[in-house]
Amino acid sequence: MRAVTGEILLSAQKITRQNSPITIRPQTRSAGSTPSALPATVEHIYVSLPEAAEVGAFEHSLSEIAHRHKLSLTAKTSAGVIVVDLLARGTVTHSVHISTSIAARDQSAESAPRLVIILDDLGYDRGAADSLLRLPFPLTVSVIPHLPLSSEVAERAFRQGDEVLLHLPMQSESAEVGHEETELRVGMNAQQVESAVAGMLETVPHAVGVNNHQGSRATADTALMQELMPVLRERGLFFIDSRTTAATVAYDAAEHAGVRAASRKVFLDDTPTEVAVEAQLNLAARDAARDGFAIAIGHPHPATIAALAQSVPRIEAHGVRLVLASEVVR
């Protein structure tokens, strides 16, 4: 109960940047109505969201929380208030009441352009992770497996409401590019791919999807991508193609295998200066406005973090909604 309540609160605070009024009112169940294994109280949580665009993101987050804790979920609307109940074995444990202002209800969240920002290469540097995770807006963080800080960074990001991806190492075309000790390589069979991915996921808890780390050779290999996608499908993971090569077949392979997927549109920090990153963010925002959504990928460089802190509020003020990767895959 405490864990679920904490995750709901963190999610609301993250989505609204701690500007949302939140009230918790535990209510005792009537005598004899509660199975012995369940708490005797229901946590009623009241969240007021100032913007209609935040409702969808919060409801999606509640759905993920329910899934993680093996709870069922129901939702209903009454007098402008959305009530989302989380249930264990048919008994309500948490009832989340979501209200918005009248003006916000008139806005269409679905029509707002959506921008996903993925920050890659987490797991090496605690200081970089600290700076990144202090940013007050929703981010998708992609963590390289088998590093000293992989599990710690993934756990911290998850607990504060960010979304976690496995930054899946894959073979590069260039022999000069450094590679991870374990990576997907051309010629691996289904069993080898399954074993490698399973081991990686053990070190990146709470991953809900995957994007490729390097992989200019791997993602261009149809046979390897056809071995990977069923592994992701069976685990319920989506795939973001980082598009490290124009020859990639990864998105097509995911689509053919029934794996939810999307592709990166903009790299933020090939030139890691604040001015350059801000220009790329503006490009990503224009792409989102034109196409409905866009995915931008960057890294935890100081210049990237500074540019995000400076530019994201301005971009959102112009009507582009920052969302998590899971909200654009299809």
Protein backbone atom coordinates (compact mmCIF):
# COMPACT_ATOMS: atom_id res chain seq x y z
CA MET A 1 0.00 0.00 0.00
CA ARG A 2 2.74 2.46 0.95
CA ALA A 3 4.75 1.70 -2.17
CA VAL A 4 1.77 2.23 -4.48
CA THR A 5 0.75 5.44 -2.70
CA GLY A 6 4.30 6.77 -2.94
CA GLU A 7 4.49 6.04 -6.66
CA ILE A 8 1.16 7.77 -7.30
CA LEU A 9 2.31 10.87 -5.43
CA LEU A 10 5.68 10.98 -7.21
CA SER A 11 3.96 10.59 -10.57
CA ALA A 12 1.56 13.47 -9.87
CA GLN A 13 4.38 15.68 -8.64
CA LYS A 14 6.54 14.89 -11.64
CA ILE A 15 3.82 15.52 -14.21
CA THR A 16 2.73 18.81 -12.64
CA ARG A 17 6.23 19.84 -11.50
CA GLN A 18 5.07 19.79 -7.87
CA ASN A 19 2.44 22.47 -8.58
CA SER A 20 -0.55 20.21 -8.09
CA PRO A 21 -2.59 20.21 -4.85
CA ILE A 22 -2.64 16.63 -3.53
CA THR A 23 -4.66 15.36 -0.57
CA ILE A 24 -4.68 11.86 0.95
CA ARG A 25 -7.66 10.72 3.01
CA PRO A 26 -7.55 7.10 4.19
CA GLN A 27 -11.04 5.70 4.76
CA THR A 28 -11.73 2.64 6.92
CA ARG A 29 -13.75 -0.10 5.27
CA SER A 30 -16.92 -1.36 6.84
CA ALA A 31 -16.47 -4.24 9.26
CA GLY A 32 -16.21 -7.64 7.61
CA SER A 33 -15.89 -6.23 4.08
CA THR A 34 -12.14 -6.71 3.72
CA PRO A 35 -10.32 -9.98 3.00
CA SER A 36 -7.81 -10.68 5.76
CA ALA A 37 -4.82 -10.30 3.40
CA LEU A 38 -5.81 -6.74 2.41
CA PRO A 39 -5.52 -3.47 4.39
CA ALA A 40 -8.53 -2.28 6.37
CA THR A 41 -8.41 1.16 4.72
CA VAL A 42 -8.77 2.60 1.22
CA GLU A 43 -6.36 5.38 0.23
CA HIS A 44 -8.43 8.17 -1.35
CA ILE A 45 -6.02 10.46 -3.20
CA TYR A 46 -7.28 13.80 -4.57
CA VAL A 47 -5.22 15.41 -7.34
CA SER A 48 -6.10 18.72 -9.02
CA LEU A 49 -4.45 19.18 -12.41
CA PRO A 50 -4.23 22.71 -13.81
CA GLU A 51 -3.98 21.55 -17.45
CA ALA A 52 -6.04 19.07 -19.41
CA ALA A 53 -2.87 17.88 -21.16
CA GLU A 54 -1.65 16.47 -17.86
CA VAL A 55 -4.66 14.19 -17.35
CA GLY A 56 -3.74 11.69 -20.05
CA ALA A 57 -0.16 11.45 -18.85
CA PHE A 58 -1.28 10.91 -15.25
CA GLU A 59 -3.85 8.26 -16.20
CA HIS A 60 -1.19 6.46 -18.25
CA SER A 61 1.16 6.55 -15.27
CA LEU A 62 -1.56 5.10 -13.00
CA SER A 63 -2.07 2.28 -15.49
CA GLU A 64 1.65 1.47 -15.40
CA ILE A 65 1.69 1.54 -11.58
CA ALA A 66 -1.26 -0.87 -11.48
CA HIS A 67 0.47 -3.19 -13.96
CA ARG A 68 3.72 -3.22 -11.97
CA HIS A 69 1.93 -4.19 -8.77
CA LYS A 70 -0.43 -6.69 -10.44
CA LEU A 71 -3.49 -4.59 -9.64
CA SER A 72 -6.55 -4.14 -11.85
CA LEU A 73 -7.79 -0.68 -12.72
CA THR A 74 -11.17 0.90 -13.42
CA ALA A 75 -12.04 4.50 -14.30
CA LYS A 76 -15.22 6.53 -14.41
CA THR A 77 -16.12 10.20 -14.77
CA SER A 78 -18.70 12.01 -12.68
CA ALA A 79 -19.38 15.76 -12.55
CA GLY A 80 -16.10 16.52 -14.27
CA VAL A 81 -14.02 14.41 -11.87
CA ILE A 82 -12.22 11.29 -13.09
CA VAL A 83 -12.08 8.54 -10.48
CA VAL A 84 -9.48 5.83 -11.06
CA ASP A 85 -9.69 2.82 -8.73
CA LEU A 86 -6.84 0.36 -8.23
CA LEU A 87 -8.00 -3.07 -7.07
CA ALA A 88 -6.36 -6.16 -5.59
CA ARG A 89 -8.41 -9.32 -6.18
CA GLY A 90 -11.48 -7.21 -6.85
CA THR A 91 -11.13 -5.03 -3.74
CA VAL A 92 -10.28 -1.32 -4.05
CA THR A 93 -6.99 -0.37 -2.40
CA HIS A 94 -6.56 3.12 -3.88
CA SER A 95 -9.11 5.55 -5.30
CA VAL A 96 -7.55 8.45 -7.21
CA HIS A 97 -9.81 11.46 -7.82
CA ILE A 98 -8.54 13.66 -10.68
CA SER A 99 -10.04 17.08 -11.25
CA THR A 100 -9.14 19.89 -13.66
CA SER A 101 -10.18 23.50 -13.98
CA ILE A 102 -13.15 24.26 -16.25
CA ALA A 103 -10.87 26.06 -18.69
CA ALA A 104 -8.53 23.09 -18.79
CA ARG A 105 -11.36 20.67 -19.54
CA ASP A 106 -12.13 22.61 -22.70
CA GLN A 107 -8.63 22.05 -24.04
CA SER A 108 -7.90 19.04 -26.24
CA ALA A 109 -4.83 17.20 -24.99
CA GLU A 110 -4.99 14.85 -27.96
CA SER A 111 -4.47 17.65 -30.45
CA ALA A 112 -1.34 19.05 -28.78
CA PRO A 113 1.97 18.20 -30.49
CA ARG A 114 3.98 15.76 -28.38
CA LEU A 115 7.74 15.74 -27.87
CA VAL A 116 9.68 12.83 -26.36
CA ILE A 117 13.17 13.50 -25.01
CA ILE A 118 15.28 10.39 -24.43
CA LEU A 119 18.57 10.74 -22.57
CA ASP A 120 20.97 7.92 -23.44
CA ASP A 121 24.10 6.42 -21.92
CA LEU A 122 23.07 6.49 -18.26
CA GLY A 123 24.96 4.20 -15.90
CA TYR A 124 28.50 5.52 -16.06
CA ASP A 125 28.45 8.75 -14.06
CA ARG A 126 26.53 9.44 -10.84
CA GLY A 127 27.02 13.22 -11.10
CA ALA A 128 25.53 13.32 -14.59
CA ALA A 129 22.58 11.22 -13.44
CA ASP A 130 22.04 13.51 -10.45
CA SER A 131 21.91 16.61 -12.67
CA LEU A 132 19.63 14.96 -15.18
CA LEU A 133 17.15 13.56 -12.67
CA ARG A 134 16.74 16.98 -11.04
CA LEU A 135 15.10 18.36 -14.19
CA PRO A 136 11.45 19.16 -13.31
CA PHE A 137 9.73 17.62 -16.33
CA PRO A 138 9.05 14.08 -17.56
CA LEU A 139 12.00 12.40 -19.27
CA THR A 140 12.72 8.98 -20.72
CA VAL A 141 16.11 7.75 -19.50
CA SER A 142 17.92 4.96 -21.31
CA VAL A 143 20.35 2.98 -19.18
CA ILE A 144 23.26 0.91 -20.46
CA PRO A 145 23.26 -2.52 -18.76
CA HIS A 146 26.00 -4.19 -16.73
CA LEU A 147 27.54 -0.92 -15.49
CA PRO A 148 28.28 -0.15 -11.83
CA LEU A 149 25.42 2.38 -11.64
CA SER A 150 22.93 0.77 -14.04
CA SER A 151 20.51 -0.56 -11.43
CA GLU A 152 20.83 2.46 -9.14
CA VAL A 153 20.06 5.00 -11.86
CA ALA A 154 17.15 2.97 -13.24
CA GLU A 155 15.65 2.60 -9.77
CA ARG A 156 15.97 6.32 -8.99
CA ALA A 157 14.45 7.38 -12.31
CA PHE A 158 11.52 5.02 -11.85
CA ARG A 159 10.83 6.14 -8.28
CA GLN A 160 10.51 9.78 -9.31
CA GLY A 161 8.19 9.12 -12.23
CA ASP A 162 10.54 9.14 -15.21
CA GLU A 163 10.41 6.32 -17.74
CA VAL A 164 13.22 3.76 -18.01
CA LEU A 165 14.52 2.13 -21.19
CA LEU A 166 17.20 -0.48 -21.67
CA HIS A 167 19.89 1.11 -23.85
CA LEU A 168 20.59 -2.15 -25.67
CA PRO A 169 24.21 -2.43 -26.90
CA MET A 170 24.45 -3.55 -30.50
CA GLN A 171 27.27 -4.09 -32.98
CA SER A 172 28.58 -1.02 -34.80
CA GLU A 173 29.97 -0.83 -38.34
CA SER A 174 33.05 1.00 -37.09
CA ALA A 175 35.85 -1.00 -35.53
CA GLU A 176 37.10 2.23 -33.97
CA VAL A 177 33.96 2.79 -31.91
CA GLY A 178 34.15 1.36 -28.40
CA HIS A 179 31.68 -1.38 -27.63
CA GLU A 180 30.19 -2.94 -24.52
CA GLU A 181 31.37 -6.33 -23.30
CA THR A 182 27.93 -7.82 -24.02
CA GLU A 183 26.14 -6.71 -27.17
CA LEU A 184 23.92 -8.07 -29.90
CA ARG A 185 26.04 -9.09 -32.86
CA VAL A 186 25.27 -10.19 -36.39
CA GLY A 187 25.03 -13.98 -36.57
CA MET A 188 23.57 -14.53 -33.09
CA ASN A 189 20.73 -17.05 -32.96
CA ALA A 190 17.43 -16.74 -31.10
CA GLN A 191 18.71 -18.41 -27.94
CA GLN A 192 21.79 -16.19 -27.79
CA VAL A 193 19.69 -13.06 -28.26
CA GLU A 194 17.20 -14.13 -25.59
CA SER A 195 20.00 -14.91 -23.11
CA ALA A 196 21.80 -11.61 -23.74
CA VAL A 197 18.65 -9.48 -23.42
CA ALA A 198 17.51 -11.32 -20.29
CA GLY A 199 20.86 -10.71 -18.61
CA MET A 200 20.82 -7.03 -19.55
CA LEU A 201 17.31 -6.50 -18.19
CA GLU A 202 18.35 -7.94 -14.83
CA THR A 203 20.65 -4.93 -14.37
CA VAL A 204 18.13 -2.32 -15.58
CA PRO A 205 15.03 -2.68 -13.39
CA HIS A 206 11.69 -1.15 -14.46
CA ALA A 207 12.59 -0.96 -18.16
CA VAL A 208 9.41 -0.66 -20.24
CA GLY A 209 11.14 -0.48 -23.60
CA VAL A 210 14.41 -0.63 -25.49
CA ASN A 211 16.44 1.60 -27.78
CA ASN A 212 19.67 0.66 -29.48
CA HIS A 213 23.09 1.76 -28.20
CA GLN A 214 25.25 2.17 -31.32
CA GLY A 215 24.13 -0.69 -33.61
CA SER A 216 24.80 0.72 -37.08
CA ARG A 217 25.64 -2.80 -38.28
CA ALA A 218 23.20 -4.72 -36.07
CA THR A 219 20.09 -2.69 -36.87
CA ALA A 220 20.80 -3.03 -40.61
CA ASP A 221 20.83 -6.84 -40.33
CA THR A 222 17.37 -8.25 -41.00
CA ALA A 223 18.11 -11.68 -39.53
CA LEU A 224 19.31 -10.29 -36.20
CA MET A 225 16.38 -7.88 -35.90
CA GLN A 226 14.00 -10.74 -36.63
CA GLU A 227 15.53 -12.66 -33.72
CA LEU A 228 15.31 -9.66 -31.37
CA MET A 229 11.73 -8.53 -31.88
CA PRO A 230 9.94 -11.68 -30.63
CA VAL A 231 12.03 -11.44 -27.45
CA LEU A 232 10.76 -7.91 -26.87
CA ARG A 233 7.19 -8.85 -27.76
CA GLU A 234 7.12 -11.71 -25.25
CA ARG A 235 8.32 -9.35 -22.51
CA GLY A 236 5.86 -6.59 -23.41
CA LEU A 237 8.67 -4.14 -24.29
CA PHE A 238 8.47 -1.53 -27.02
CA PHE A 239 11.34 -0.53 -29.34
CA ILE A 240 12.69 2.92 -30.19
CA ASP A 241 14.96 2.90 -33.22
CA SER A 242 17.80 5.34 -32.47
CA ARG A 243 18.53 5.37 -36.22
CA THR A 244 22.30 5.26 -35.98
CA THR A 245 22.31 4.29 -39.67
CA ALA A 246 20.11 5.19 -42.60
CA ALA A 247 20.16 1.49 -43.53
CA THR A 248 18.28 0.41 -40.39
CA VAL A 249 15.55 -2.22 -40.74
CA ALA A 250 14.77 -2.30 -37.01
CA TYR A 251 11.49 -0.35 -37.12
CA ASP A 252 10.15 -2.47 -39.97
CA ALA A 253 11.14 -5.66 -38.13
CA ALA A 254 9.36 -4.45 -34.99
CA GLU A 255 6.22 -3.57 -36.94
CA HIS A 256 6.22 -6.96 -38.68
CA ALA A 257 6.63 -8.79 -35.34
CA GLY A 258 3.82 -6.85 -33.63
CA VAL A 259 6.13 -4.88 -31.34
CA ARG A 260 5.11 -1.31 -30.52
CA ALA A 261 7.76 0.98 -31.99
CA ALA A 262 8.81 4.47 -33.03
CA SER A 263 11.90 6.13 -34.50
CA ARG A 264 14.20 8.91 -33.39
CA LYS A 265 13.79 12.12 -35.37
CA VAL A 266 16.47 14.46 -33.95
CA PHE A 267 19.84 14.01 -32.26
CA LEU A 268 20.27 16.82 -29.75
CA ASP A 269 23.96 16.97 -29.01
CA ASP A 270 26.17 15.78 -31.84
CA THR A 271 27.65 19.22 -31.14
CA PRO A 272 27.58 19.38 -27.31
CA THR A 273 27.18 23.11 -26.78
CA GLU A 274 24.16 24.89 -25.28
CA VAL A 275 23.55 26.92 -28.43
CA ALA A 276 23.65 23.84 -30.67
CA VAL A 277 21.41 21.79 -28.37
CA GLU A 278 18.86 24.60 -28.14
CA ALA A 279 18.78 24.79 -31.94
CA GLN A 280 18.15 21.03 -32.14
CA LEU A 281 15.40 21.26 -29.51
CA ASN A 282 13.72 23.95 -31.59
CA LEU A 283 13.98 21.67 -34.64
CA ALA A 284 12.42 18.80 -32.69
CA ALA A 285 9.57 21.06 -31.54
CA ARG A 286 8.89 22.11 -35.15
CA ASP A 287 8.88 18.46 -36.24
CA ALA A 288 6.41 17.64 -33.46
CA ALA A 289 4.13 20.50 -34.52
CA ARG A 290 4.23 19.33 -38.14
CA ASP A 291 3.93 15.56 -37.60
CA GLY A 292 2.01 15.35 -34.30
CA PHE A 293 4.97 14.00 -32.35
CA ALA A 294 8.75 13.74 -32.49
CA ILE A 295 11.45 11.88 -30.59
CA ALA A 296 14.72 13.61 -29.75
CA ILE A 297 17.70 11.75 -28.29
CA GLY A 298 20.53 13.29 -26.31
CA HIS A 299 23.10 12.47 -23.63
CA PRO A 300 23.74 13.66 -20.08
CA HIS A 301 26.32 16.28 -21.10
CA PRO A 302 26.35 19.45 -18.97
CA ALA A 303 25.50 21.54 -22.03
CA THR A 304 22.56 19.27 -22.89
CA ILE A 305 21.15 19.42 -19.37
CA ALA A 306 21.55 23.21 -19.24
CA ALA A 307 19.85 23.62 -22.62
CA LEU A 308 16.95 21.39 -21.57
CA ALA A 309 16.43 23.36 -18.36
CA GLN A 310 16.40 26.60 -20.34
CA SER A 311 14.43 25.59 -23.43
CA VAL A 312 11.80 23.01 -22.44
CA PRO A 313 9.58 25.46 -20.48
CA ARG A 314 9.64 27.84 -23.44
CA ILE A 315 8.79 25.05 -25.89
CA GLU A 316 5.89 23.90 -23.72
CA ALA A 317 4.63 27.46 -23.40
CA HIS A 318 4.24 27.43 -27.20
CA GLY A 319 1.90 24.43 -27.00
CA VAL A 320 4.20 21.42 -27.42
CA ARG A 321 3.57 18.80 -24.72
CA LEU A 322 6.54 16.88 -23.30
CA VAL A 323 5.58 13.20 -22.94
CA LEU A 324 7.18 9.82 -22.24
CA ALA A 325 8.24 7.42 -24.98
CA SER A 326 5.47 4.95 -24.18
CA GLU A 327 2.90 7.58 -25.22
CA VAL A 328 4.00 7.72 -28.88
CA VAL A 329 4.90 4.13 -29.77
CA ARG A 330 2.40 2.28 -31.91
